[in-house]
Structure formats: structure tokens, C-alpha cells
Amino acid sequence: MTLVVPDPTRTVPLPLRQQADVRDRWLTQRLLDLLPVLMDRAGIDLWLVVGRENNEDPVLATLLPATWLSARRRVVLVLHRSDDGVTPVAVSRYPVGQFLPGWTGEDDGDHGDEQAQWAAVRRIVEQAAPRRIGIDVSARCALADGLSVTDHGLLTEALGPHARRLVPAEDLVVGWLETRLPEEVAALDALNGLTDRVLAEALSPAALTPGTTTAADLAWWVHQRLADLGVPPWFHPGVTVQRAAVPLRGRHGVELPAVPQDAPVLPGDLVTCDAGLVSLGLATDLQRTVYLLRPGESAPPPGLSRAWAAGTRVQALTAAALRAGRTGNEVLAAARAAASAEGLEAAVYSHPVGVHGHGAGPAIGRWDDQHGVPGDGDRVLHPDTVYALELAVRVPVPEWDGQCVRLALEEAVALTGRGTRWLGRPQRELWTLPVSDSRAV
């Protein structure tokens, strides 16, 4: 398939003010519709999220108004589950959007001191009389481990006998971070489309000149392009190059592409770019691959086309294995068993994506470990979540004297009650860059 590059600027992010309005509207809906269900599922009656300026709990940003780019002094958010839903209260020196003020820093003539703030937290807890108080501490999930040692100690001291009711809020945090509203899924659909467009531009003459451009050049081009469009990357883009006579090289027990990052790409190379952007508080994670045609070629070597067919087949098998109610490790086992039954050598390492690119939720393998992931791999998949369907196949290429390629693919899928749905513009065929376009040397 000859790559036709659309104009990525036709899909641009909303102005920042409109983004803030959208994010605040989503937060209201999430507090009203999602949080009560998630708190009930986790068995938590009251959730405490604590963060200090320059030391924020990762969850805090998902609860603060969009105009709050960080915590201000110390912020304590109290979310109480009752028969009427969830009551959000902020124990903060400054007003926190739609949260009810539980303390203003001037109550009882306290002048905003730390002791009075913690006393206000205790008063709210005593009035709510919860059985289980969730706090963000976790040994296995970094995103659910945002309560600092200092604040944990101060909170425990402030609560006194009520501290016996403190429990890890890990399951609640994961549910809150992984679950997406329909509008958020629609936004991720558009953002994945934009990511695809930028990668299509990168793997075209707009950014790639065989004989001159290196993998490192391409990575920085994508990084700069995303930043210029107002959708900064959440990781530095990765570019790998594979070519005949440069076999895969072992690393952590896995054979990976070995063409140096500072080597110019050449006709006959297979180039893969991995990138993800952030907008509206949501992240994407995609990979795209192009084959640089040699002089006289009009299509990739048949061996590379077979490798592409094998990769897309494993994609389909993995998407079919993604079922609500299964654990990540069960999805991994099912996908790998299905691939093996068809004679395909595959590695599956898919992951949740949403608020974070490597998001909270079930881990489905690791690139360097296909035996299951203890802990995160035991988490159950739920509907209304989004995954980066990431995997690789290892296939020998006869035209490269039997040398194997490791073809990596990554697409976004939404898991719904009816199954999986592809997001954005999935790459259905191996892209090619013709000699006439590539200015081959």
C-alpha cells in the first residue's frame, strides 16, 4: 500500500479554554455516575485523596478542576458515599471547583494552620461515620500509591481511633482511572486518529529522506510535531529500523531490531515508529510501520507481506481474547494459545490506556515476559475501558536469506459490553514509500 499522507492539522485539539470546559463537565458526570458504582464495587464508604504542591498524588489531577495545574499547598479531598450518591468535599485553603468547602483556612480563627486542616478532616470523617476509609497506598500499583509517608502519618494521627478503618483504595483507584465515559471514548477515537496522521506524516517524504534521516531524527521530528500541534507526547517517540544482513539482537531474552539509532535509513528498510500524545487529560499509544521500496520494487518482498499478515492475524486473535470478566493473564494465555494453534510465533504485551499511556488496570503480558504478570495481570477486565493492543510476531523472511523480522504492531481498542471496538484509523496494510517519493540513494 502506497502511503498517502493526510494533513494532520485538519484534526487539531480544542483551544485550552474549551478543553477545560469539557474536562470539568466530564468530572461532574464521573462523580455523579461512575464514582458511586466504583466505590460500591470496591467496598469503600469514604475516599481520602491527599496531595501537596510539588508532590501530588497521581489521582489528584483527575479530581481537580481543569484550571488547577497542580495542588496548592496541601489539598485533602473527601469523597463520601451515601444513599444520595457521592458527596465531594475539599479540605483546602482555596476553593476546589465543584467540591463543597470543608474548611477555608479561616474557620474558628485558625488562620489556616496545618493542625486545623487535619482537625477539619477528622470532623468530616466523624460526621460521615464510614466503615471503610480508602487511602491511596499500594505495594503493587504505583498509580494507587500516591499518599506520601508524611501525609499518611499526619492523617493517621489526626484520625485517632478512626484510623483503624483505613484500607488501601487500590481497586477504587484502578477503577476510577481505567473507566471511560462514552464521551471520553469518542475523544480517544479522535485523538488516536490524530496520532495516526502524525505518524503517517513522519513516515513520508515530509520527514524521512533515505540515506540522510536516522531513527533518532525521526523520533525527534515526531516529538516536535506533536508539541507544535498542542498535543505533547507522554514519552519520547521510539523508532526502530530493520534491514537485511542486520539480524535481530538479544536483549533481556528477546531478539530486537539492531540497526543503530544514528544510522541513516535506506531503501529496503522496515521502519516502525511508536508514539503517544496527550490531550483533554487522555493519552494515546500507537505504532506505525513503513517499508522503503528499493529501486525497481513496487511492493514489499512477499516475506514481509506474510509477516504483516501474521501480525494482523495475532491482533485479531488478541482482540477476540479481550473479554470482560477475564483477567489480564487469562487474556494473555488465550491469545498466545490461539496464535500458537495457527503456527504463529507471537509476544503479546497489551496494556490499558486512558488518563495515562501505561494506564491502571489489567496487564496483558510484558514484552520481556510472556509467562503472566503477578498482581496487575490478575486484575479483571471491565467494560468501558480502553487498551493499547500491543504485540509482536517473529517471522523469517526468505528474501532476507531467512533472517527473521520482529514486526511490532499497536492499535487502540475500546472494550464494551458487546466486545471490542477499534479506535482511530487502524493500519490495515503495510505502508510503502516509493523510490520516486523517497529520493532513494
Protein backbone atom coordinates (compact mmCIF):
# COMPACT_ATOMS: atom_id res chain seq x y z
CA MET A 1 0.00 0.00 0.00
CA THR A 2 1.48 3.33 -1.04
CA LEU A 3 1.24 5.76 1.84
CA VAL A 4 -1.00 8.77 1.21
CA VAL A 5 -0.39 11.38 3.88
CA PRO A 6 -3.39 13.42 5.08
CA ASP A 7 -2.95 16.81 6.66
CA PRO A 8 -2.73 16.20 10.44
CA THR A 9 -3.70 19.81 11.16
CA ARG A 10 -7.23 19.05 9.99
CA THR A 11 -7.76 17.33 13.33
CA VAL A 12 -6.44 19.69 15.96
CA PRO A 13 -7.09 19.83 19.70
CA LEU A 14 -9.67 22.20 21.11
CA PRO A 15 -8.48 25.56 22.44
CA LEU A 16 -7.35 25.23 26.04
CA ARG A 17 -10.37 27.08 27.43
CA GLN A 18 -12.76 24.72 25.66
CA GLN A 19 -10.72 21.74 26.80
CA ALA A 20 -11.11 22.93 30.39
CA ASP A 21 -14.89 23.20 29.98
CA VAL A 22 -15.04 19.68 28.56
CA ARG A 23 -12.84 18.19 31.29
CA ASP A 24 -14.84 19.84 34.07
CA ARG A 25 -18.08 18.58 32.55
CA TRP A 26 -16.63 15.08 32.38
CA LEU A 27 -15.56 15.32 36.01
CA THR A 28 -19.08 16.23 37.09
CA GLN A 29 -20.52 13.29 35.19
CA ARG A 30 -17.88 10.92 36.52
CA LEU A 31 -18.56 11.96 40.11
CA LEU A 32 -22.30 11.58 39.63
CA ASP A 33 -22.50 8.44 37.51
CA LEU A 34 -19.27 6.45 37.86
CA LEU A 35 -17.89 7.00 41.34
CA PRO A 36 -20.85 5.62 43.33
CA VAL A 37 -20.70 2.37 41.35
CA LEU A 38 -16.93 2.12 41.70
CA MET A 39 -16.99 2.80 45.44
CA ASP A 40 -19.64 0.14 45.94
CA ARG A 41 -17.63 -2.33 43.89
CA ALA A 42 -14.53 -1.64 45.98
CA GLY A 43 -16.46 -1.68 49.26
CA ILE A 44 -15.28 1.78 50.31
CA ASP A 45 -17.58 4.27 52.07
CA LEU A 46 -15.24 7.25 52.16
CA TRP A 47 -12.22 8.00 49.97
CA LEU A 48 -9.45 10.38 51.03
CA VAL A 49 -7.12 11.76 48.35
CA VAL A 50 -4.29 13.89 49.72
CA GLY A 51 -1.68 15.86 47.80
CA ARG A 52 0.77 18.65 48.42
CA GLU A 53 2.12 21.19 45.95
CA ASN A 54 5.06 19.63 44.07
CA ASN A 55 4.19 16.21 45.50
CA GLU A 56 0.80 15.34 44.06
CA ASP A 57 -0.98 12.02 44.30
CA PRO A 58 -1.36 10.80 40.65
CA VAL A 59 -5.12 10.55 41.23
CA LEU A 60 -5.40 14.16 42.35
CA ALA A 61 -5.14 15.62 38.84
CA THR A 62 -8.19 13.59 37.77
CA LEU A 63 -10.31 15.15 40.55
CA LEU A 64 -9.18 18.79 40.46
CA PRO A 65 -10.72 21.46 38.20
CA ALA A 66 -9.00 21.75 34.84
CA THR A 67 -7.58 25.16 35.74
CA TRP A 68 -5.75 23.63 38.69
CA LEU A 69 -2.50 22.56 37.07
CA SER A 70 -1.19 21.30 40.41
CA ALA A 71 -2.10 21.16 44.07
CA ARG A 72 -1.97 24.36 46.10
CA ARG A 73 -0.34 23.90 49.48
CA ARG A 74 -1.98 20.77 50.90
CA VAL A 75 -5.28 19.58 49.40
CA VAL A 76 -7.40 16.89 51.05
CA LEU A 77 -10.35 15.65 49.00
CA VAL A 78 -13.03 13.70 50.84
CA LEU A 79 -15.49 11.65 48.78
CA HIS A 80 -18.28 10.21 50.90
CA ARG A 81 -20.60 7.51 49.57
CA SER A 82 -24.14 7.80 50.93
CA ASP A 83 -27.64 6.88 49.82
CA ASP A 84 -27.74 10.10 47.83
CA GLY A 85 -24.62 9.32 45.79
CA VAL A 86 -21.15 10.68 46.48
CA THR A 87 -20.61 13.95 48.32
CA PRO A 88 -17.31 15.62 47.31
CA VAL A 89 -15.75 17.82 49.99
CA ALA A 90 -12.46 19.73 49.80
CA VAL A 91 -10.41 20.47 52.90
CA SER A 92 -8.25 23.07 51.24
CA ARG A 93 -7.01 26.61 51.75
CA TYR A 94 -8.52 27.52 48.36
CA PRO A 95 -11.90 26.63 46.77
CA VAL A 96 -11.75 23.45 44.67
CA GLY A 97 -14.25 23.73 41.83
CA GLN A 98 -17.45 21.81 42.47
CA PHE A 99 -16.22 20.32 45.77
CA LEU A 100 -18.05 21.55 48.85
CA PRO A 101 -15.78 23.54 51.17
CA GLY A 102 -14.98 21.53 54.31
CA TRP A 103 -12.51 24.08 55.61
CA THR A 104 -11.44 27.50 54.39
CA GLY A 105 -8.32 28.13 56.41
CA GLU A 106 -10.19 30.73 58.43
CA ASP A 107 -12.63 28.58 60.39
CA ASP A 108 -12.64 29.04 64.15
CA GLY A 109 -9.95 31.69 63.84
CA ASP A 110 -7.31 29.12 62.97
CA HIS A 111 -5.64 31.23 60.26
CA GLY A 112 -5.15 28.24 58.01
CA ASP A 113 -2.65 26.29 60.04
CA GLU A 114 -1.90 22.63 59.35
CA GLN A 115 -3.28 21.33 62.62
CA ALA A 116 -6.66 22.94 61.99
CA GLN A 117 -6.80 21.44 58.49
CA TRP A 118 -6.32 17.92 59.83
CA ALA A 119 -8.85 18.62 62.58
CA ALA A 120 -11.37 19.51 59.87
CA VAL A 121 -10.67 16.19 58.14
CA ARG A 122 -11.37 14.36 61.39
CA ARG A 123 -14.65 16.26 61.91
CA ILE A 124 -15.86 15.28 58.44
CA VAL A 125 -14.90 11.64 58.98
CA GLU A 126 -16.69 11.56 62.34
CA GLN A 127 -19.85 13.02 60.80
CA ALA A 128 -19.78 10.56 57.91
CA ALA A 129 -19.10 7.59 60.20
CA PRO A 130 -17.74 5.36 57.40
CA ARG A 131 -16.98 1.70 57.94
CA ARG A 132 -14.07 1.62 55.45
CA ILE A 133 -11.94 4.65 54.60
CA GLY A 134 -9.93 4.26 51.42
CA ILE A 135 -6.48 5.82 51.13
CA ASP A 136 -4.05 5.68 48.22
CA VAL A 137 -1.42 3.21 49.39
CA SER A 138 -0.36 0.21 47.33
CA ALA A 139 2.70 -2.00 47.07
CA ARG A 140 1.93 -3.23 43.53
CA CYS A 141 0.24 -0.31 41.73
CA ALA A 142 2.21 2.95 41.53
CA LEU A 143 -0.83 4.96 40.46
CA ALA A 144 -2.62 3.88 43.65
CA ASP A 145 0.33 4.66 45.92
CA GLY A 146 0.15 8.44 45.94
CA LEU A 147 -0.25 9.11 49.68
CA SER A 148 3.16 10.23 50.96
CA VAL A 149 4.69 8.79 54.10
CA THR A 150 4.46 12.18 55.78
CA ASP A 151 0.79 12.71 54.99
CA HIS A 152 -0.01 9.13 55.93
CA GLY A 153 1.48 9.72 59.35
CA LEU A 154 -0.30 13.04 59.83
CA LEU A 155 -3.61 11.57 58.68
CA THR A 156 -3.32 8.57 60.99
CA GLU A 157 -2.52 10.83 63.92
CA ALA A 158 -5.40 13.18 63.12
CA LEU A 159 -7.99 10.41 62.80
CA GLY A 160 -7.08 8.81 66.10
CA PRO A 161 -9.28 5.73 66.70
CA HIS A 162 -10.90 6.19 63.27
CA ALA A 163 -7.55 5.30 61.68
CA ARG A 164 -8.41 1.64 62.30
CA ARG A 165 -10.88 1.95 59.43
CA LEU A 166 -8.21 2.91 56.88
CA VAL A 167 -7.87 0.46 53.99
CA PRO A 168 -5.96 0.58 50.69
CA ALA A 169 -8.08 2.14 47.94
CA GLU A 170 -6.16 0.32 45.19
CA ASP A 171 -9.19 -1.27 43.50
CA LEU A 172 -11.10 2.00 43.63
CA VAL A 173 -8.18 3.96 42.18
CA VAL A 174 -7.77 1.47 39.34
CA GLY A 175 -11.50 1.56 38.59
CA TRP A 176 -11.57 5.35 38.65
CA LEU A 177 -8.56 5.70 36.35
CA GLU A 178 -9.43 2.95 33.87
CA THR A 179 -13.18 3.53 33.36
CA ARG A 180 -14.14 5.82 30.49
CA LEU A 181 -17.32 7.76 29.78
CA PRO A 182 -18.77 7.37 26.27
CA GLU A 183 -17.63 10.93 25.51
CA GLU A 184 -14.11 10.08 26.63
CA VAL A 185 -14.05 7.04 24.34
CA ALA A 186 -15.20 9.26 21.47
CA ALA A 187 -12.41 11.71 22.28
CA LEU A 188 -9.85 8.89 22.33
CA ASP A 189 -11.19 7.77 18.96
CA ALA A 190 -10.40 11.22 17.52
CA LEU A 191 -7.05 11.51 19.30
CA ASN A 192 -5.93 8.13 18.00
CA GLY A 193 -6.87 9.34 14.53
CA LEU A 194 -4.66 12.38 15.04
CA THR A 195 -1.80 10.22 16.29
CA ASP A 196 -2.12 8.09 13.17
CA ARG A 197 -1.99 11.17 10.95
CA VAL A 198 1.18 12.48 12.58
CA LEU A 199 2.87 9.08 12.25
CA ALA A 200 1.78 8.87 8.61
CA GLU A 201 3.40 12.24 8.01
CA ALA A 202 6.56 11.14 9.82
CA LEU A 203 6.89 8.03 7.68
CA SER A 204 6.66 10.04 4.46
CA PRO A 205 8.92 12.39 2.49
CA ALA A 206 7.79 15.17 4.83
CA ALA A 207 10.19 13.82 7.45
CA LEU A 208 12.01 10.82 6.00
CA THR A 209 14.79 11.03 3.41
CA PRO A 210 16.53 7.68 2.79
CA GLY A 211 20.27 7.96 3.05
CA THR A 212 20.03 11.00 5.32
CA THR A 213 17.35 10.61 8.01
CA THR A 214 18.20 8.48 11.05
CA ALA A 215 15.90 6.77 13.52
CA ALA A 216 16.88 9.40 16.10
CA ASP A 217 15.97 12.15 13.63
CA LEU A 218 12.53 10.65 13.08
CA ALA A 219 11.89 10.29 16.81
CA TRP A 220 12.69 13.95 17.41
CA TRP A 221 10.64 15.00 14.39
CA VAL A 222 7.56 13.28 15.83
CA HIS A 223 8.23 14.70 19.29
CA GLN A 224 8.45 18.24 17.91
CA ARG A 225 5.44 17.81 15.62
CA LEU A 226 3.20 16.69 18.47
CA ALA A 227 4.40 19.55 20.65
CA ASP A 228 3.78 22.07 17.86
CA LEU A 229 0.22 20.77 17.41
CA GLY A 230 -0.50 21.29 21.11
CA VAL A 231 -0.71 17.57 21.89
CA PRO A 232 2.63 16.83 23.59
CA PRO A 233 3.93 13.27 23.78
CA TRP A 234 3.88 11.44 27.10
CA PHE A 235 7.06 9.57 26.14
CA HIS A 236 9.85 10.26 23.70
CA PRO A 237 8.80 8.52 20.45
CA GLY A 238 10.59 5.29 19.61
CA VAL A 239 11.81 4.39 16.12
CA THR A 240 13.26 1.00 15.15
CA VAL A 241 14.82 0.03 11.83
CA GLN A 242 15.23 -3.48 10.46
CA ARG A 243 17.22 -4.40 7.36
CA ALA A 244 18.61 -7.40 5.56
CA ALA A 245 22.02 -8.54 6.83
CA VAL A 246 21.48 -6.87 10.21
CA PRO A 247 19.88 -9.66 12.27
CA LEU A 248 17.92 -9.20 15.47
CA ARG A 249 19.97 -8.94 18.64
CA GLY A 250 19.14 -10.41 22.05
CA ARG A 251 18.18 -8.17 24.96
CA HIS A 252 16.60 -9.42 28.19
CA GLY A 253 15.96 -12.72 26.44
CA VAL A 254 14.14 -11.10 23.50
CA GLU A 255 15.51 -10.60 19.98
CA LEU A 256 15.07 -6.94 18.99
CA PRO A 257 15.96 -4.77 15.95
CA ALA A 258 19.66 -3.91 15.89
CA VAL A 259 20.15 -1.14 13.30
CA PRO A 260 21.80 1.74 15.22
CA GLN A 261 19.73 4.82 16.01
CA ASP A 262 22.29 7.08 14.31
CA ALA A 263 22.42 5.09 11.07
CA PRO A 264 20.59 6.65 8.08
CA VAL A 265 17.57 4.64 6.91
CA LEU A 266 17.97 3.08 3.47
CA PRO A 267 15.77 1.65 0.71
CA GLY A 268 14.83 -1.88 1.70
CA ASP A 269 14.47 -0.97 5.39
CA LEU A 270 11.46 -1.68 7.56
CA VAL A 271 10.82 1.32 9.84
CA THR A 272 8.46 1.31 12.84
CA CYS A 273 7.53 4.38 14.88
CA ASP A 274 5.91 4.25 18.33
CA ALA A 275 4.33 7.44 19.72
CA GLY A 276 1.59 8.70 22.01
CA LEU A 277 0.10 12.12 22.69
CA VAL A 278 -1.86 13.76 25.50
CA SER A 279 -4.92 15.98 25.18
CA LEU A 280 -8.07 16.51 27.27
CA GLY A 281 -6.34 14.61 30.05
CA LEU A 282 -6.21 11.45 27.91
CA ALA A 283 -3.29 9.63 26.29
CA THR A 284 -2.79 7.56 23.15
CA ASP A 285 -0.21 4.90 22.21
CA LEU A 286 0.19 3.70 18.61
CA GLN A 287 2.78 2.16 16.29
CA ARG A 288 3.03 2.50 12.52
CA THR A 289 5.33 0.72 10.06
CA VAL A 290 6.55 1.54 6.54
CA TYR A 291 8.72 -0.36 4.08
CA LEU A 292 11.10 1.73 1.96
CA LEU A 293 10.92 0.33 -1.55
CA ARG A 294 14.16 -0.48 -3.35
CA PRO A 295 14.71 0.77 -6.91
CA GLY A 296 12.54 -1.32 -9.22
CA GLU A 297 10.23 -2.54 -6.43
CA SER A 298 6.53 -1.76 -6.44
CA ALA A 299 5.65 -3.79 -3.33
CA PRO A 300 7.37 -5.19 -0.27
CA PRO A 301 9.07 -8.58 -0.52
CA PRO A 302 6.48 -11.36 -0.11
CA GLY A 303 8.15 -12.43 3.13
CA LEU A 304 7.48 -9.04 4.70
CA SER A 305 3.90 -9.12 3.46
CA ARG A 306 3.48 -12.52 5.13
CA ALA A 307 4.94 -11.09 8.32
CA TRP A 308 2.39 -8.28 8.19
CA ALA A 309 -0.44 -10.77 7.65
CA ALA A 310 0.80 -12.77 10.64
CA GLY A 311 0.87 -9.65 12.81
CA THR A 312 -2.63 -8.54 11.91
CA ARG A 313 -3.89 -12.07 12.49
CA VAL A 314 -2.46 -12.07 16.01
CA GLN A 315 -4.08 -8.65 16.50
CA ALA A 316 -7.46 -10.16 15.64
CA LEU A 317 -6.88 -13.15 17.92
CA THR A 318 -5.87 -10.87 20.81
CA ALA A 319 -8.86 -8.60 20.28
CA ALA A 320 -11.11 -11.69 20.39
CA ALA A 321 -9.47 -12.77 23.66
CA LEU A 322 -10.23 -9.40 25.31
CA ARG A 323 -13.37 -10.24 27.24
CA ALA A 324 -14.87 -8.61 30.29
CA GLY A 325 -14.57 -10.92 33.29
CA ARG A 326 -11.25 -12.41 32.24
CA THR A 327 -8.03 -11.45 33.96
CA GLY A 328 -5.13 -9.96 32.06
CA ASN A 329 -3.20 -13.22 32.47
CA GLU A 330 -6.14 -15.19 31.09
CA VAL A 331 -6.30 -12.91 28.05
CA LEU A 332 -2.57 -13.38 27.52
CA ALA A 333 -2.83 -17.15 27.72
CA ALA A 334 -5.84 -17.29 25.39
CA ALA A 335 -4.26 -15.01 22.77
CA ARG A 336 -0.94 -16.85 22.78
CA ALA A 337 -2.65 -20.25 22.63
CA ALA A 338 -4.74 -19.13 19.66
CA ALA A 339 -1.66 -17.80 17.87
CA SER A 340 0.34 -20.95 18.57
CA ALA A 341 -2.51 -23.12 17.25
CA GLU A 342 -2.09 -21.33 13.91
CA GLY A 343 1.68 -21.70 13.93
CA LEU A 344 2.35 -18.04 14.71
CA GLU A 345 5.26 -17.03 16.97
CA ALA A 346 3.91 -14.07 18.89
CA ALA A 347 4.51 -11.99 22.00
CA VAL A 348 1.53 -10.13 23.46
CA TYR A 349 2.10 -7.18 25.80
CA SER A 350 -1.06 -5.08 25.71
CA HIS A 351 -2.00 -2.57 28.38
CA PRO A 352 -4.73 -0.18 29.50
CA VAL A 353 -4.57 3.38 28.19
CA GLY A 354 -6.58 6.45 29.14
CA VAL A 355 -5.55 9.00 31.73
CA HIS A 356 -2.04 7.54 31.47
CA GLY A 357 -0.42 5.90 28.46
CA HIS A 358 0.58 2.89 30.54
CA GLY A 359 -2.64 3.06 32.47
CA ALA A 360 -4.17 1.49 35.53
CA GLY A 361 -5.85 -1.86 35.01
CA PRO A 362 -5.06 -5.41 33.89
CA ALA A 363 -1.60 -6.00 32.45
CA ILE A 364 -1.65 -8.39 29.48
CA GLY A 365 1.92 -9.68 29.30
CA ARG A 366 5.23 -7.83 29.12
CA TRP A 367 7.48 -7.51 26.10
CA ASP A 368 10.20 -9.32 28.02
CA ASP A 369 7.98 -11.79 29.94
CA GLN A 370 5.23 -13.90 28.42
CA HIS A 371 4.50 -16.00 31.50
CA GLY A 372 1.92 -13.67 33.06
CA VAL A 373 2.23 -10.65 35.30
CA PRO A 374 1.76 -11.30 39.04
CA GLY A 375 -0.59 -8.77 40.60
CA ASP A 376 -1.58 -6.47 37.75
CA GLY A 377 -2.06 -9.43 35.43
CA ASP A 378 -4.59 -10.88 37.88
CA ARG A 379 -6.87 -7.86 37.56
CA VAL A 380 -10.21 -8.44 35.86
CA LEU A 381 -11.16 -6.65 32.64
CA HIS A 382 -14.24 -4.43 32.84
CA PRO A 383 -16.37 -2.84 30.12
CA ASP A 384 -15.94 0.85 29.31
CA THR A 385 -12.16 0.61 29.29
CA VAL A 386 -9.58 1.24 26.55
CA TYR A 387 -6.48 -0.79 25.69
CA ALA A 388 -3.39 -0.42 23.57
CA LEU A 389 -3.42 -3.74 21.72
CA GLU A 390 0.37 -4.14 21.56
CA LEU A 391 2.17 -7.23 20.31
CA ALA A 392 4.88 -8.54 18.01
CA VAL A 393 5.39 -11.50 15.70
CA ARG A 394 8.68 -13.11 14.71
CA VAL A 395 8.74 -14.28 11.10
CA PRO A 396 11.58 -15.46 8.80
CA VAL A 397 11.89 -13.56 5.51
CA PRO A 398 13.15 -15.71 2.60
CA GLU A 399 14.17 -12.63 0.60
CA TRP A 400 16.46 -11.69 3.52
CA ASP A 401 18.15 -15.13 3.40
CA GLY A 402 15.81 -16.42 6.09
CA GLN A 403 16.63 -13.63 8.53
CA CYS A 404 13.77 -13.02 10.98
CA VAL A 405 11.96 -9.75 11.44
CA ARG A 406 10.26 -8.78 14.66
CA LEU A 407 7.18 -6.94 13.46
CA ALA A 408 5.60 -4.85 16.22
CA LEU A 409 2.03 -3.56 15.98
CA GLU A 410 -0.06 -1.42 18.31
CA GLU A 411 -3.64 -0.19 17.99
CA ALA A 412 -6.26 1.20 20.37
CA VAL A 413 -9.43 -0.73 21.19
CA ALA A 414 -12.35 0.02 23.46
CA LEU A 415 -13.79 -2.85 25.48
CA THR A 416 -17.55 -2.59 25.71
CA GLY A 417 -20.31 -4.87 26.92
CA ARG A 418 -20.58 -6.15 23.34
CA GLY A 419 -16.89 -6.80 22.76
CA THR A 420 -14.03 -4.75 21.35
CA ARG A 421 -14.17 -1.76 19.02
CA TRP A 422 -11.19 -0.37 17.13
CA LEU A 423 -10.43 3.30 17.71
CA GLY A 424 -8.86 5.84 15.38
CA ARG A 425 -7.58 4.74 11.97
CA PRO A 426 -6.03 1.27 12.32
CA GLN A 427 -3.19 0.42 9.94
CA ARG A 428 -4.63 -2.38 7.84
CA GLU A 429 -1.79 -2.77 5.34
CA LEU A 430 1.98 -2.42 5.41
CA TRP A 431 2.75 1.09 4.20
CA THR A 432 5.35 1.60 1.47
CA LEU A 433 7.45 4.58 0.45
CA PRO A 434 8.12 4.50 -3.32
CA VAL A 435 11.54 5.20 -4.71
CA SER A 436 10.27 8.24 -6.60
CA ASP A 437 8.97 9.72 -3.34
CA SER A 438 11.82 8.64 -1.14
CA ARG A 439 14.60 10.12 -3.31
CA ALA A 440 16.47 6.85 -2.78
CA VAL A 441 20.25 6.92 -2.90
